[in-house]
């Protein structure tokens, strides 16, 4: 295998970017969920104790804020989507490096061109999926804004 098989720099950059973003969204999702669950679990406890109604109410507010942040930032959806894209890119990289799958019986130059095409296809799908998700969320938000003003 020649040095050409070693690479397509954009692929490594994109794998790294999607991996970091997936991890970041996973961490945020889990943190926010733990805060939300713990706060919600404590509301009944503090509601039953004399003099702690304000604290119980404050915890209820925390739950609403945290769930709102999760909804706006879409941490769970981004975590899953970015992880899937990262793994698709890694799969393509390993097929390319092994000369397997669609890369069998290709010259190094043909394989590199095929890799570039496949990587750009994965990234294009990801961009299209992201755009569709944003439009869907914008429509839902606009719909809920209209129904609340009626």
Foldseek 3Di string as FASTA:
>chain_A
DDCLLPDDVVLVVLLVVLVVLLVVLVVLVVVLVVLLVVLVVCLVVQVPDPPSNVVSVVSVVSNVVSVVVCLVVVSVVSNVLSVVLSVQSVVLSVCSSVCHDPSPPDDSVVSSVVNVVSNVVSVVVSVVVVVVVVVVVVVVVVVVVVVVVD
